[in-house]
Protein backbone atom coordinates (compact mmCIF):
# COMPACT_ATOMS: atom_id res chain seq x y z
CA MET A 1 78.07 -18.97 -60.27
CA SER A 2 75.19 -20.47 -62.23
CA PRO A 3 73.68 -23.54 -60.54
CA PHE A 4 73.58 -25.07 -64.04
CA ARG A 5 76.69 -26.77 -65.35
CA ILE A 6 77.60 -27.89 -68.86
CA ALA A 7 79.84 -30.99 -68.74
CA PRO A 8 81.52 -31.56 -72.13
CA SER A 9 82.28 -35.25 -72.69
CA ILE A 10 85.89 -35.64 -73.75
CA LEU A 11 84.96 -38.77 -75.69
CA SER A 12 84.08 -36.33 -78.50
CA ALA A 13 87.28 -34.28 -78.16
CA ASP A 14 90.37 -34.47 -80.37
CA PHE A 15 92.51 -37.00 -78.47
CA ALA A 16 95.68 -35.89 -80.24
CA ARG A 17 95.27 -32.51 -78.46
CA LEU A 18 93.42 -33.56 -75.31
CA GLY A 19 95.07 -31.19 -72.82
CA GLU A 20 94.52 -28.22 -75.13
CA GLU A 21 90.90 -29.29 -75.78
CA ILE A 22 90.20 -29.39 -72.06
CA SER A 23 91.78 -25.98 -71.45
CA ASN A 24 89.75 -24.50 -74.33
CA VAL A 25 86.43 -25.95 -73.26
CA ILE A 26 86.93 -24.75 -69.66
CA ALA A 27 87.82 -21.27 -70.94
CA ALA A 28 84.56 -21.43 -72.95
CA GLY A 29 82.53 -21.98 -69.77
CA ALA A 30 82.46 -25.73 -69.03
CA GLY A 31 81.51 -26.41 -65.40
CA LEU A 32 82.73 -30.02 -65.35
CA ILE A 33 84.79 -32.33 -67.55
CA HIS A 34 82.84 -35.54 -68.23
CA PHE A 35 85.05 -38.62 -68.50
CA ASP A 36 83.42 -41.75 -69.98
CA VAL A 37 84.95 -45.09 -69.05
CA MET A 38 83.77 -48.12 -71.06
CA ASP A 39 85.12 -51.65 -70.62
CA ASN A 40 83.83 -53.66 -73.63
CA HIS A 41 82.07 -55.84 -71.04
CA TYR A 42 79.32 -53.85 -69.34
CA VAL A 43 78.94 -51.84 -72.57
CA PRO A 44 80.06 -52.80 -76.10
CA ASN A 45 82.87 -50.30 -76.41
CA LEU A 46 86.33 -49.64 -74.98
CA THR A 47 87.55 -46.16 -74.08
CA ILE A 48 89.94 -44.67 -71.53
CA GLY A 49 91.25 -45.42 -68.05
CA PRO A 50 92.96 -43.88 -65.00
CA LEU A 51 96.20 -43.04 -66.85
CA VAL A 52 94.32 -40.63 -69.14
CA CYS A 53 92.54 -39.13 -66.12
CA GLU A 54 95.90 -38.55 -64.45
CA ALA A 55 97.29 -37.01 -67.64
CA ILE A 56 94.46 -34.47 -67.99
CA LYS A 57 94.30 -33.54 -64.29
CA PRO A 58 96.77 -30.61 -64.61
CA TYR A 59 94.56 -29.08 -67.34
CA ALA A 60 91.27 -29.58 -65.49
CA THR A 61 90.63 -26.50 -63.38
CA VAL A 62 87.01 -27.68 -62.95
CA PRO A 63 85.97 -31.04 -61.41
CA ILE A 64 86.49 -34.26 -63.40
CA ASP A 65 83.22 -36.18 -63.55
CA VAL A 66 84.06 -39.87 -64.14
CA HIS A 67 81.22 -42.07 -65.45
CA LEU A 68 82.13 -45.74 -65.00
CA MET A 69 80.44 -48.03 -67.51
CA VAL A 70 82.41 -51.00 -66.19
CA LYS A 71 81.67 -54.24 -64.37
CA PRO A 72 82.80 -55.02 -61.72
CA VAL A 73 83.17 -51.48 -60.47
CA ASP A 74 84.81 -51.58 -57.00
CA ARG A 75 88.24 -52.68 -58.20
CA ILE A 76 88.78 -49.56 -60.38
CA VAL A 77 87.39 -46.88 -58.01
CA PRO A 78 90.61 -46.32 -55.99
CA ASP A 79 92.62 -45.96 -59.23
CA PHE A 80 90.40 -43.14 -60.48
CA ALA A 81 90.40 -41.41 -57.10
CA LYS A 82 94.21 -41.50 -57.11
CA ALA A 83 94.26 -40.28 -60.74
CA GLY A 84 92.36 -37.11 -59.79
CA ALA A 85 88.65 -37.84 -60.28
CA ASN A 86 86.36 -35.52 -58.28
CA ILE A 87 83.04 -37.26 -58.96
CA VAL A 88 82.65 -40.98 -59.68
CA THR A 89 79.32 -42.36 -60.91
CA PHE A 90 78.45 -45.99 -61.67
CA HIS A 91 75.53 -48.17 -62.77
CA PRO A 92 73.73 -50.10 -60.00
CA GLU A 93 73.66 -53.19 -62.27
CA ALA A 94 77.48 -53.18 -62.26
CA SER A 95 77.80 -53.45 -58.46
CA ASP A 96 76.96 -56.41 -56.22
CA HIS A 97 76.45 -54.03 -53.28
CA VAL A 98 75.40 -50.53 -54.32
CA ASP A 99 75.63 -49.07 -50.81
CA ARG A 100 79.15 -50.44 -50.36
CA THR A 101 80.34 -49.04 -53.71
CA LEU A 102 78.94 -45.59 -52.91
CA GLY A 103 80.74 -45.73 -49.55
CA LEU A 104 83.98 -46.82 -51.23
CA ILE A 105 83.91 -43.84 -53.61
CA ARG A 106 83.34 -41.41 -50.75
CA GLU A 107 86.04 -43.04 -48.58
CA HIS A 108 88.49 -42.25 -51.38
CA GLY A 109 87.59 -38.55 -51.25
CA CYS A 110 85.29 -38.32 -54.28
CA GLN A 111 81.64 -37.41 -54.65
CA ALA A 112 79.58 -40.49 -55.48
CA GLY A 113 76.71 -40.98 -57.88
CA LEU A 114 74.37 -43.53 -59.43
CA VAL A 115 73.69 -43.81 -63.17
CA PHE A 116 70.34 -44.95 -64.53
CA ASN A 117 69.95 -46.44 -68.00
CA PRO A 118 66.71 -45.54 -69.80
CA ALA A 119 64.93 -48.69 -68.52
CA THR A 120 66.52 -48.84 -65.04
CA SER A 121 64.16 -48.05 -62.16
CA LEU A 122 64.87 -45.11 -59.86
CA ASP A 123 63.98 -47.41 -56.92
CA HIS A 124 67.72 -48.08 -56.48
CA LEU A 125 67.90 -44.62 -54.87
CA ASP A 126 65.45 -45.35 -52.07
CA TYR A 127 67.86 -46.54 -49.36
CA VAL A 128 71.14 -44.92 -50.37
CA LEU A 129 70.41 -41.20 -50.83
CA ASP A 130 72.56 -40.39 -47.78
CA LYS A 131 75.61 -41.53 -49.80
CA VAL A 132 74.61 -40.04 -53.19
CA ASP A 133 75.92 -36.66 -54.41
CA MET A 134 74.88 -36.97 -58.06
CA VAL A 135 72.19 -38.82 -60.00
CA LEU A 136 72.99 -39.32 -63.69
CA LEU A 137 70.16 -40.22 -66.07
CA MET A 138 71.15 -41.75 -69.38
CA SER A 139 68.95 -40.29 -72.12
CA VAL A 140 70.42 -42.78 -74.62
CA ASN A 141 71.52 -46.38 -74.14
CA PRO A 142 75.14 -46.32 -72.95
CA GLY A 143 78.06 -47.41 -75.07
CA PHE A 144 78.30 -44.98 -77.98
CA GLY A 145 78.31 -41.21 -78.53
CA GLY A 146 76.18 -39.34 -81.04
CA GLN A 147 72.81 -41.00 -80.26
CA ALA A 148 69.46 -39.16 -80.24
CA PHE A 149 67.83 -38.08 -76.97
CA ILE A 150 65.02 -40.42 -75.78
CA PRO A 151 62.04 -38.08 -75.08
CA ALA A 152 60.54 -40.32 -72.35
CA MET A 153 63.54 -39.41 -70.20
CA LEU A 154 61.98 -35.99 -69.49
CA ASP A 155 59.33 -37.76 -67.38
CA LYS A 156 62.05 -39.74 -65.66
CA ALA A 157 63.96 -36.52 -64.92
CA ARG A 158 60.83 -35.01 -63.33
CA ALA A 159 60.39 -38.14 -61.20
CA ALA A 160 64.05 -38.08 -60.13
CA ARG A 161 63.89 -34.37 -59.28
CA ALA A 162 60.77 -34.97 -57.14
CA LYS A 163 62.64 -37.68 -55.18
CA LEU A 164 65.71 -35.47 -54.72
CA ASP A 165 63.62 -32.44 -53.69
CA ALA A 166 61.73 -34.51 -51.10
CA TYR A 167 65.08 -35.67 -49.71
CA LYS A 168 66.41 -32.09 -49.64
CA GLU A 169 63.32 -30.93 -47.76
CA LYS A 170 64.00 -33.56 -45.11
CA THR A 171 67.79 -33.17 -44.83
CA GLY A 172 68.75 -29.81 -46.37
CA ARG A 173 71.23 -31.56 -48.68
CA HIS A 174 71.16 -30.86 -52.43
CA ILE A 175 71.88 -33.73 -54.83
CA ASN A 176 72.76 -32.82 -58.42
CA LEU A 177 70.74 -34.26 -61.30
CA GLU A 178 72.69 -34.85 -64.51
CA VAL A 179 71.56 -36.00 -67.97
CA ASP A 180 73.81 -37.63 -70.56
CA GLY A 181 72.95 -38.41 -74.19
CA GLY A 182 71.73 -36.37 -77.13
CA VAL A 183 71.78 -33.05 -75.23
CA LYS A 184 71.78 -30.16 -77.71
CA ILE A 185 70.98 -26.44 -77.84
CA ASP A 186 67.46 -27.16 -79.10
CA ASN A 187 66.44 -29.53 -76.26
CA ILE A 188 68.47 -28.33 -73.27
CA GLY A 189 65.74 -25.88 -72.18
CA ALA A 190 63.15 -28.67 -71.91
CA ILE A 191 65.65 -30.84 -70.01
CA ALA A 192 66.36 -28.01 -67.54
CA ALA A 193 62.63 -27.42 -67.08
CA ALA A 194 62.32 -31.09 -66.05
CA GLY A 195 64.63 -30.42 -63.08
CA VAL A 196 68.11 -31.20 -64.45
CA ASP A 197 71.03 -28.98 -63.39
CA THR A 198 74.04 -30.71 -65.01
CA PHE A 199 74.19 -31.45 -68.75
CA VAL A 200 76.65 -33.77 -70.46
CA ALA A 201 77.23 -32.70 -74.06
CA GLY A 202 79.75 -34.39 -76.32
CA SER A 203 79.40 -33.85 -80.05
CA ALA A 204 77.13 -30.81 -79.45
CA VAL A 205 80.14 -28.98 -77.96
CA PHE A 206 83.23 -30.58 -79.51
CA GLY A 207 81.56 -30.88 -82.93
CA ASN A 208 81.39 -27.08 -83.17
CA PRO A 209 84.54 -25.01 -83.85
CA ASP A 210 83.45 -22.33 -81.35
CA TYR A 211 82.95 -23.95 -77.92
CA LYS A 212 82.06 -20.69 -76.19
CA THR A 213 79.23 -19.90 -78.59
CA VAL A 214 77.67 -23.35 -77.99
CA ILE A 215 78.00 -23.25 -74.19
CA ASP A 216 76.68 -19.66 -74.03
CA ALA A 217 73.73 -20.65 -76.25
CA MET A 218 72.99 -23.60 -73.94
CA HIS A 219 72.95 -21.34 -70.87
CA THR A 220 70.69 -18.88 -72.73
CA GLU A 221 68.20 -21.68 -73.55
CA ILE A 222 68.22 -22.84 -69.90
CA THR A 223 67.56 -19.30 -68.66
CA LYS A 224 64.73 -18.84 -71.20
CA ALA A 225 63.11 -22.15 -70.26
CA LEU A 226 63.11 -21.32 -66.54
CA ALA A 227 62.03 -17.68 -66.88
């Protein structure tokens, strides 16, 4: 198994054929299914909820990676856990008590993660790494698909990886580092070189008729960048 995972965002999939889309993208090599939840409150858009997560669960033979762009966050966590989420990530700004929300996610049997907007400081990680399984860096401002990658996020990825590596050295526990926004074949190598191991890709995957070709090309670029 490659330690690098491509996580196609179903926000860019054909919702009329969602189960089939998920089966196809997993067959093409997806390591996770990324599930974007927006509430038209924390972000200016409205997407999908626990019922859709429950509906796709039978098709998802890889983990479902739920990204909550909602505020407040605690109320909805148990619903997604029950609906079949495997990983639940949220924005620290959306929680009154970040440590408590991380604990709540883990109590419900999911891996827990924090999401950082482009201008959000990584300092939120300093006292909660024992409850964090995934760090997600937004490389666009959240709320809409199809935006361009913000190049300054490569420095942020390096800084996050340094924090996570220092923690691993102390504890032996690996925390995944994920990037979401504007990830494409032509920049995924640079993102991997900055220390990222999980890559959310929406339109880059679902916008191409041949999912396998795209995902294979992404893995090739990662391998080349790290050679």
